[in-house]
Amino acid sequence: IEVRVEGLIIPRGDNTNPVPRLSATLVCNGKLAA
């Protein structure tokens, strides 16, 4: 899996991202795996 994001932010005040870490989840068949 390869994910690239540029400029994923909350558009308010200083327009920055307040979250220090990010992960990605693959969802198949209509439900989040247990």
PDB file of all heavy atoms in Angstrom:
ATOM      1  N   ILE A   1       0.847  -1.179   0.000  1.00  0.00           N
ATOM      2  CA  ILE A   1       0.000   0.000   0.000  1.00  0.00           C
ATOM      3  C   ILE A   1       0.889   1.236   0.000  1.00  0.00           C
ATOM      4  O   ILE A   1       1.919   1.270   0.679  1.00  0.00           O
ATOM      5  CB  ILE A   1      -0.970   0.004   1.210  1.00  0.00           C
ATOM      6  CG1 ILE A   1      -1.929   1.212   1.165  1.00  0.00           C
ATOM      7  CG2 ILE A   1      -0.231  -0.057   2.523  1.00  0.00           C
ATOM      8  CD1 ILE A   1      -3.043   1.153   2.191  1.00  0.00           C
ATOM      9  N   GLU A   2       0.516   2.192  -0.816  1.00  0.00           N
ATOM     10  CA  GLU A   2       1.242   3.457  -0.875  1.00  0.00           C
ATOM     11  C   GLU A   2       0.216   4.578  -0.883  1.00  0.00           C
ATOM     12  O   GLU A   2      -0.708   4.584  -1.691  1.00  0.00           O
ATOM     13  CB  GLU A   2       2.111   3.528  -2.128  1.00  0.00           C
ATOM     14  CG  GLU A   2       2.964   4.763  -2.162  1.00  0.00           C
ATOM     15  CD  GLU A   2       3.977   4.754  -3.288  1.00  0.00           C
ATOM     16  OE1 GLU A   2       4.250   3.687  -3.864  1.00  0.00           O
ATOM     17  OE2 GLU A   2       4.501   5.846  -3.596  1.00  0.00           O
ATOM     18  N   VAL A   3       0.379   5.492   0.054  1.00  0.00           N
ATOM     19  CA  VAL A   3      -0.510   6.639   0.178  1.00  0.00           C
ATOM     20  C   VAL A   3       0.350   7.892   0.218  1.00  0.00           C
ATOM     21  O   VAL A   3       1.350   7.931   0.937  1.00  0.00           O
ATOM     22  CB  VAL A   3      -1.370   6.553   1.463  1.00  0.00           C
ATOM     23  CG1 VAL A   3      -2.222   7.799   1.629  1.00  0.00           C
ATOM     24  CG2 VAL A   3      -2.232   5.301   1.451  1.00  0.00           C
ATOM     25  N   ARG A   4      -0.060   8.888  -0.545  1.00  0.00           N
ATOM     26  CA  ARG A   4       0.605  10.192  -0.523  1.00  0.00           C
ATOM     27  C   ARG A   4      -0.452  11.256  -0.319  1.00  0.00           C
ATOM     28  O   ARG A   4      -1.474  11.246  -1.003  1.00  0.00           O
ATOM     29  CB  ARG A   4       1.327  10.470  -1.826  1.00  0.00           C
ATOM     30  CG  ARG A   4       2.536   9.636  -2.046  1.00  0.00           C
ATOM     31  CD  ARG A   4       3.185  10.025  -3.349  1.00  0.00           C
ATOM     32  NE  ARG A   4       4.317   9.161  -3.585  1.00  0.00           N
ATOM     33  CZ  ARG A   4       5.296   9.460  -4.395  1.00  0.00           C
ATOM     34  NH1 ARG A   4       5.287  10.585  -5.065  1.00  0.00           N
ATOM     35  NH2 ARG A   4       6.298   8.633  -4.566  1.00  0.00           N
ATOM     36  N   VAL A   5      -0.206  12.135   0.626  1.00  0.00           N
ATOM     37  CA  VAL A   5      -1.101  13.278   0.813  1.00  0.00           C
ATOM     38  C   VAL A   5      -0.267  14.541   0.895  1.00  0.00           C
ATOM     39  O   VAL A   5       0.835  14.545   1.453  1.00  0.00           O
ATOM     40  CB  VAL A   5      -2.007  13.148   2.055  1.00  0.00           C
ATOM     41  CG1 VAL A   5      -2.993  12.018   1.892  1.00  0.00           C
ATOM     42  CG2 VAL A   5      -1.219  12.982   3.320  1.00  0.00           C
ATOM     43  N   GLU A   6      -0.808  15.585   0.300  1.00  0.00           N
ATOM     44  CA  GLU A   6      -0.187  16.910   0.367  1.00  0.00           C
ATOM     45  C   GLU A   6      -1.276  17.902   0.736  1.00  0.00           C
ATOM     46  O   GLU A   6      -2.323  17.955   0.093  1.00  0.00           O
ATOM     47  CB  GLU A   6       0.429  17.293  -0.979  1.00  0.00           C
ATOM     48  CG  GLU A   6       1.611  16.438  -1.375  1.00  0.00           C
ATOM     49  CD  GLU A   6       2.166  16.812  -2.741  1.00  0.00           C
ATOM     50  OE1 GLU A   6       1.905  17.939  -3.222  1.00  0.00           O
ATOM     51  OE2 GLU A   6       2.854  15.965  -3.331  1.00  0.00           O
ATOM     52  N   GLY A   7      -1.033  18.646   1.792  1.00  0.00           N
ATOM     53  CA  GLY A   7      -1.961  19.699   2.193  1.00  0.00           C
ATOM     54  C   GLY A   7      -3.268  19.200   2.771  1.00  0.00           C
ATOM     55  O   GLY A   7      -4.307  19.820   2.567  1.00  0.00           O
ATOM     56  N   LEU A   8      -3.251  18.095   3.511  1.00  0.00           N
ATOM     57  CA  LEU A   8      -4.448  17.610   4.202  1.00  0.00           C
ATOM     58  C   LEU A   8      -4.520  18.346   5.542  1.00  0.00           C
ATOM     59  O   LEU A   8      -3.772  18.025   6.473  1.00  0.00           O
ATOM     60  CB  LEU A   8      -4.401  16.100   4.395  1.00  0.00           C
ATOM     61  CG  LEU A   8      -5.608  15.451   5.090  1.00  0.00           C
ATOM     62  CD1 LEU A   8      -6.903  15.732   4.338  1.00  0.00           C
ATOM     63  CD2 LEU A   8      -5.386  13.952   5.242  1.00  0.00           C
ATOM     64  N   ILE A   9      -5.388  19.347   5.610  1.00  0.00           N
ATOM     65  CA  ILE A   9      -5.439  20.237   6.775  1.00  0.00           C
ATOM     66  C   ILE A   9      -6.884  20.557   7.155  1.00  0.00           C
ATOM     67  O   ILE A   9      -7.809  20.286   6.406  1.00  0.00           O
ATOM     68  CB  ILE A   9      -4.706  21.573   6.503  1.00  0.00           C
ATOM     69  CG1 ILE A   9      -5.360  22.289   5.310  1.00  0.00           C
ATOM     70  CG2 ILE A   9      -3.216  21.366   6.276  1.00  0.00           C
ATOM     71  CD1 ILE A   9      -4.954  23.735   5.133  1.00  0.00           C
ATOM     72  N   ILE A  10      -7.021  21.157   8.336  1.00  0.00           N
ATOM     73  CA  ILE A  10      -8.296  21.722   8.761  1.00  0.00           C
ATOM     74  C   ILE A  10      -8.259  23.195   8.357  1.00  0.00           C
ATOM     75  O   ILE A  10      -7.371  23.926   8.797  1.00  0.00           O
ATOM     76  CB  ILE A  10      -8.489  21.584  10.286  1.00  0.00           C
ATOM     77  CG1 ILE A  10      -8.513  20.107  10.689  1.00  0.00           C
ATOM     78  CG2 ILE A  10      -9.768  22.293  10.727  1.00  0.00           C
ATOM     79  CD1 ILE A  10      -8.521  19.878  12.182  1.00  0.00           C
ATOM     80  N   PRO A  11      -9.199  23.638   7.527  1.00  0.00           N
ATOM     81  CA  PRO A  11      -9.155  25.020   7.038  1.00  0.00           C
ATOM     82  C   PRO A  11      -9.723  26.020   8.069  1.00  0.00           C
ATOM     83  O   PRO A  11     -10.859  26.454   7.968  1.00  0.00           O
ATOM     84  CB  PRO A  11     -10.020  24.961   5.782  1.00  0.00           C
ATOM     85  CG  PRO A  11     -11.015  23.888   6.082  1.00  0.00           C
ATOM     86  CD  PRO A  11     -10.282  22.883   6.918  1.00  0.00           C
ATOM     87  N   ARG A  12      -8.921  26.334   9.039  1.00  0.00           N
ATOM     88  CA  ARG A  12      -9.326  27.314  10.046  1.00  0.00           C
ATOM     89  C   ARG A  12      -8.079  27.964  10.617  1.00  0.00           C
ATOM     90  O   ARG A  12      -6.988  27.389  10.581  1.00  0.00           O
ATOM     91  CB  ARG A  12     -10.114  26.655  11.164  1.00  0.00           C
ATOM     92  CG  ARG A  12      -9.260  25.645  11.889  1.00  0.00           C
ATOM     93  CD  ARG A  12      -9.832  25.150  13.155  1.00  0.00           C
ATOM     94  NE  ARG A  12      -8.783  24.303  13.710  1.00  0.00           N
ATOM     95  CZ  ARG A  12      -8.913  23.498  14.700  1.00  0.00           C
ATOM     96  NH1 ARG A  12     -10.038  23.421  15.317  1.00  0.00           N
ATOM     97  NH2 ARG A  12      -7.904  22.780  15.117  1.00  0.00           N
ATOM     98  N   GLY A  13      -8.227  29.145  11.162  1.00  0.00           N
ATOM     99  CA  GLY A  13      -7.113  29.821  11.810  1.00  0.00           C
ATOM    100  C   GLY A  13      -5.841  29.818  10.995  1.00  0.00           C
ATOM    101  O   GLY A  13      -5.745  30.473   9.967  1.00  0.00           O
ATOM    102  N   ASP A  14      -4.876  29.009  11.431  1.00  0.00           N
ATOM    103  CA  ASP A  14      -3.572  28.989  10.757  1.00  0.00           C
ATOM    104  C   ASP A  14      -3.487  27.961   9.623  1.00  0.00           C
ATOM    105  O   ASP A  14      -2.439  27.765   9.031  1.00  0.00           O
ATOM    106  CB  ASP A  14      -2.463  28.752  11.775  1.00  0.00           C
ATOM    107  CG  ASP A  14      -2.610  27.426  12.517  1.00  0.00           C
ATOM    108  OD1 ASP A  14      -3.590  26.695  12.265  1.00  0.00           O
ATOM    109  OD2 ASP A  14      -1.741  27.120  13.342  1.00  0.00           O
ATOM    110  N   ASN A  15      -4.595  27.287   9.305  1.00  0.00           N
ATOM    111  CA  ASN A  15      -4.634  26.303   8.210  1.00  0.00           C
ATOM    112  C   ASN A  15      -3.522  25.272   8.303  1.00  0.00           C
ATOM    113  O   ASN A  15      -2.778  25.052   7.356  1.00  0.00           O
ATOM    114  CB  ASN A  15      -4.586  26.989   6.844  1.00  0.00           C
ATOM    115  CG  ASN A  15      -5.868  27.693   6.514  1.00  0.00           C
ATOM    116  OD1 ASN A  15      -6.939  27.269   6.924  1.00  0.00           O
ATOM    117  ND2 ASN A  15      -5.765  28.795   5.803  1.00  0.00           N
ATOM    118  N   THR A  16      -3.419  24.637   9.448  1.00  0.00           N
ATOM    119  CA  THR A  16      -2.412  23.596   9.608  1.00  0.00           C
ATOM    120  C   THR A  16      -3.060  22.289  10.041  1.00  0.00           C
ATOM    121  O   THR A  16      -4.250  22.231  10.344  1.00  0.00           O
ATOM    122  CB  THR A  16      -1.347  23.990  10.653  1.00  0.00           C
ATOM    123  OG1 THR A  16      -1.980  24.192  11.911  1.00  0.00           O
ATOM    124  CG2 THR A  16      -0.589  25.233  10.223  1.00  0.00           C
ATOM    125  N   ASN A  17      -2.264  21.280  10.086  1.00  0.00           N
ATOM    126  CA  ASN A  17      -2.672  19.958  10.522  1.00  0.00           C
ATOM    127  C   ASN A  17      -2.286  19.792  11.992  1.00  0.00           C
ATOM    128  O   ASN A  17      -1.108  19.835  12.319  1.00  0.00           O
ATOM    129  CB  ASN A  17      -1.967  18.912   9.655  1.00  0.00           C
ATOM    130  CG  ASN A  17      -1.931  17.564  10.328  1.00  0.00           C
ATOM    131  OD1 ASN A  17      -2.879  17.156  10.962  1.00  0.00           O
ATOM    132  ND2 ASN A  17      -0.819  16.882  10.196  1.00  0.00           N
ATOM    133  N   PRO A  18      -3.246  19.548  12.874  1.00  0.00           N
ATOM    134  CA  PRO A  18      -2.927  19.375  14.294  1.00  0.00           C
ATOM    135  C   PRO A  18      -2.573  17.934  14.677  1.00  0.00           C
ATOM    136  O   PRO A  18      -2.253  17.665  15.833  1.00  0.00           O
ATOM    137  CB  PRO A  18      -4.223  19.813  14.984  1.00  0.00           C
ATOM    138  CG  PRO A  18      -5.290  19.406  14.016  1.00  0.00           C
ATOM    139  CD  PRO A  18      -4.685  19.630  12.647  1.00  0.00           C
ATOM    140  N   VAL A  19      -2.622  17.011  13.730  1.00  0.00           N
ATOM    141  CA  VAL A  19      -2.418  15.590  14.020  1.00  0.00           C
ATOM    142  C   VAL A  19      -0.968  15.208  13.696  1.00  0.00           C
ATOM    143  O   VAL A  19      -0.536  15.376  12.562  1.00  0.00           O
ATOM    144  CB  VAL A  19      -3.406  14.728  13.187  1.00  0.00           C
ATOM    145  CG1 VAL A  19      -3.169  13.256  13.416  1.00  0.00           C
ATOM    146  CG2 VAL A  19      -4.842  15.110  13.507  1.00  0.00           C
ATOM    147  N   PRO A  20      -0.216  14.656  14.654  1.00  0.00           N
ATOM    148  CA  PRO A  20       1.195  14.357  14.394  1.00  0.00           C
ATOM    149  C   PRO A  20       1.471  13.065  13.615  1.00  0.00           C
ATOM    150  O   PRO A  20       2.537  12.907  13.039  1.00  0.00           O
ATOM    151  CB  PRO A  20       1.800  14.271  15.786  1.00  0.00           C
ATOM    152  CG  PRO A  20       0.675  13.886  16.678  1.00  0.00           C
ATOM    153  CD  PRO A  20      -0.563  14.482  16.074  1.00  0.00           C
ATOM    154  N   ARG A  21       0.512  12.122  13.609  1.00  0.00           N
ATOM    155  CA  ARG A  21       0.767  10.839  12.948  1.00  0.00           C
ATOM    156  C   ARG A  21      -0.459  10.421  12.154  1.00  0.00           C
ATOM    157  O   ARG A  21      -1.580  10.801  12.466  1.00  0.00           O
ATOM    158  CB  ARG A  21       1.152   9.775  13.969  1.00  0.00           C
ATOM    159  CG  ARG A  21       2.394  10.232  14.745  1.00  0.00           C
ATOM    160  CD  ARG A  21       3.187   9.163  15.407  1.00  0.00           C
ATOM    161  NE  ARG A  21       3.692   8.078  14.623  1.00  0.00           N
ATOM    162  CZ  ARG A  21       4.847   8.063  13.958  1.00  0.00           C
ATOM    163  NH1 ARG A  21       5.611   9.130  13.936  1.00  0.00           N
ATOM    164  NH2 ARG A  21       5.258   6.987  13.325  1.00  0.00           N
ATOM    165  N   LEU A  22      -0.216   9.597  11.120  1.00  0.00           N
ATOM    166  CA  LEU A  22      -1.275   9.179  10.210  1.00  0.00           C
ATOM    167  C   LEU A  22      -1.085   7.711   9.852  1.00  0.00           C
ATOM    168  O   LEU A  22       0.049   7.242   9.693  1.00  0.00           O
ATOM    169  CB  LEU A  22      -1.205  10.038   8.933  1.00  0.00           C
ATOM    170  CG  LEU A  22      -2.312   9.870   7.908  1.00  0.00           C
ATOM    171  CD1 LEU A  22      -3.628  10.447   8.436  1.00  0.00           C
ATOM    172  CD2 LEU A  22      -1.933  10.584   6.610  1.00  0.00           C
ATOM    173  N   SER A  23      -2.178   6.985   9.734  1.00  0.00           N
ATOM    174  CA  SER A  23      -2.142   5.614   9.223  1.00  0.00           C
ATOM    175  C   SER A  23      -3.227   5.483   8.159  1.00  0.00           C
ATOM    176  O   SER A  23      -4.048   6.381   7.973  1.00  0.00           O
ATOM    177  CB  SER A  23      -2.366   4.594  10.341  1.00  0.00           C
ATOM    178  OG  SER A  23      -3.672   4.714  10.880  1.00  0.00           O
ATOM    179  N   ALA A  24      -3.227   4.350   7.470  1.00  0.00           N
ATOM    180  CA  ALA A  24      -4.233   4.071   6.445  1.00  0.00           C
ATOM    181  C   ALA A  24      -4.811   2.691   6.697  1.00  0.00           C
ATOM    182  O   ALA A  24      -4.095   1.763   7.063  1.00  0.00           O
ATOM    183  CB  ALA A  24      -3.610   4.135   5.059  1.00  0.00           C
ATOM    184  N   THR A  25      -6.117   2.580   6.479  1.00  0.00           N
ATOM    185  CA  THR A  25      -6.799   1.303   6.658  1.00  0.00           C
ATOM    186  C   THR A  25      -7.484   0.914   5.355  1.00  0.00           C
ATOM    187  O   THR A  25      -8.207   1.718   4.770  1.00  0.00           O
ATOM    188  CB  THR A  25      -7.856   1.391   7.781  1.00  0.00           C
ATOM    189  OG1 THR A  25      -7.204   1.702   9.013  1.00  0.00           O
ATOM    190  CG2 THR A  25      -8.606   0.086   7.947  1.00  0.00           C
ATOM    191  N   LEU A  26      -7.238  -0.314   4.921  1.00  0.00           N
ATOM    192  CA  LEU A  26      -7.936  -0.872   3.777  1.00  0.00           C
ATOM    193  C   LEU A  26      -9.235  -1.487   4.283  1.00  0.00           C
ATOM    194  O   LEU A  26      -9.227  -2.265   5.235  1.00  0.00           O
ATOM    195  CB  LEU A  26      -7.089  -1.951   3.082  1.00  0.00           C
ATOM    196  CG  LEU A  26      -7.782  -2.730   1.969  1.00  0.00           C
ATOM    197  CD1 LEU A  26      -8.144  -1.820   0.788  1.00  0.00           C
ATOM    198  CD2 LEU A  26      -6.909  -3.895   1.512  1.00  0.00           C
ATOM    199  N   VAL A  27     -10.345  -1.109   3.650  1.00  0.00           N
ATOM    200  CA  VAL A  27     -11.645  -1.676   3.996  1.00  0.00           C
ATOM    201  C   VAL A  27     -12.148  -2.447   2.782  1.00  0.00           C
ATOM    202  O   VAL A  27     -12.128  -1.932   1.663  1.00  0.00           O
ATOM    203  CB  VAL A  27     -12.660  -0.570   4.368  1.00  0.00           C
ATOM    204  CG1 VAL A  27     -14.009  -1.172   4.707  1.00  0.00           C
ATOM    205  CG2 VAL A  27     -12.142   0.265   5.526  1.00  0.00           C
ATOM    206  N   CYS A  28     -12.557  -3.683   3.010  1.00  0.00           N
ATOM    207  CA  CYS A  28     -13.100  -4.528   1.948  1.00  0.00           C
ATOM    208  C   CYS A  28     -14.467  -5.050   2.364  1.00  0.00           C
ATOM    209  O   CYS A  28     -14.751  -5.172   3.559  1.00  0.00           O
ATOM    210  CB  CYS A  28     -12.192  -5.737   1.701  1.00  0.00           C
ATOM    211  SG  CYS A  28     -10.576  -5.329   1.042  1.00  0.00           S
ATOM    212  N   ASN A  29     -15.268  -5.353   1.392  1.00  0.00           N
ATOM    213  CA  ASN A  29     -16.543  -6.025   1.619  1.00  0.00           C
ATOM    214  C   ASN A  29     -17.496  -5.251   2.515  1.00  0.00           C
ATOM    215  O   ASN A  29     -18.323  -5.830   3.212  1.00  0.00           O
ATOM    216  CB  ASN A  29     -16.308  -7.440   2.172  1.00  0.00           C
ATOM    217  CG  ASN A  29     -15.316  -8.209   1.325  1.00  0.00           C
ATOM    218  OD1 ASN A  29     -15.344  -8.131   0.102  1.00  0.00           O
ATOM    219  ND2 ASN A  29     -14.412  -8.918   1.961  1.00  0.00           N
ATOM    220  N   GLY A  30     -17.345  -3.933   2.554  1.00  0.00           N
ATOM    221  CA  GLY A  30     -18.301  -3.100   3.258  1.00  0.00           C
ATOM    222  C   GLY A  30     -18.192  -3.023   4.760  1.00  0.00           C
ATOM    223  O   GLY A  30     -19.091  -2.516   5.416  1.00  0.00           O
ATOM    224  N   LYS A  31     -17.090  -3.546   5.339  1.00  0.00           N
ATOM    225  CA  LYS A  31     -16.970  -3.423   6.790  1.00  0.00           C
ATOM    226  C   LYS A  31     -15.512  -3.353   7.216  1.00  0.00           C
ATOM    227  O   LYS A  31     -14.622  -3.926   6.591  1.00  0.00           O
ATOM    228  CB  LYS A  31     -17.682  -4.556   7.508  1.00  0.00           C
ATOM    229  CG  LYS A  31     -17.093  -5.917   7.258  1.00  0.00           C
ATOM    230  CD  LYS A  31     -17.870  -6.974   8.007  1.00  0.00           C
ATOM    231  CE  LYS A  31     -17.264  -8.338   7.730  1.00  0.00           C
ATOM    232  NZ  LYS A  31     -17.887  -9.391   8.469  1.00  0.00           N
ATOM    233  N   LEU A  32     -15.308  -2.630   8.292  1.00  0.00           N
ATOM    234  CA  LEU A  32     -13.983  -2.485   8.883  1.00  0.00           C
ATOM    235  C   LEU A  32     -13.605  -3.809   9.532  1.00  0.00           C
ATOM    236  O   LEU A  32     -14.408  -4.398  10.266  1.00  0.00           O
ATOM    237  CB  LEU A  32     -14.040  -1.372   9.933  1.00  0.00           C
ATOM    238  CG  LEU A  32     -12.754  -0.762  10.439  1.00  0.00           C
ATOM    239  CD1 LEU A  32     -11.966  -0.136   9.309  1.00  0.00           C
ATOM    240  CD2 LEU A  32     -13.073   0.296  11.487  1.00  0.00           C
ATOM    241  N   ALA A  33     -12.416  -4.315   9.240  1.00  0.00           N
ATOM    242  CA  ALA A  33     -11.980  -5.596   9.803  1.00  0.00           C
ATOM    243  C   ALA A  33     -11.838  -5.488  11.315  1.00  0.00           C
ATOM    244  O   ALA A  33     -11.490  -4.431  11.851  1.00  0.00           O
ATOM    245  CB  ALA A  33     -10.662  -6.017   9.192  1.00  0.00           C
ATOM    246  N   ALA A  34     -12.106  -6.579  12.003  1.00  0.00           N
ATOM    247  CA  ALA A  34     -12.022  -6.596  13.464  1.00  0.00           C
ATOM    248  C   ALA A  34     -10.585  -6.479  13.958  1.00  0.00           C
ATOM    249  O   ALA A  34     -10.338  -5.964  15.041  1.00  0.00           O
ATOM    250  CB  ALA A  34     -12.655  -7.877  13.999  1.00  0.00           C
TER     251      ALA A  34
END
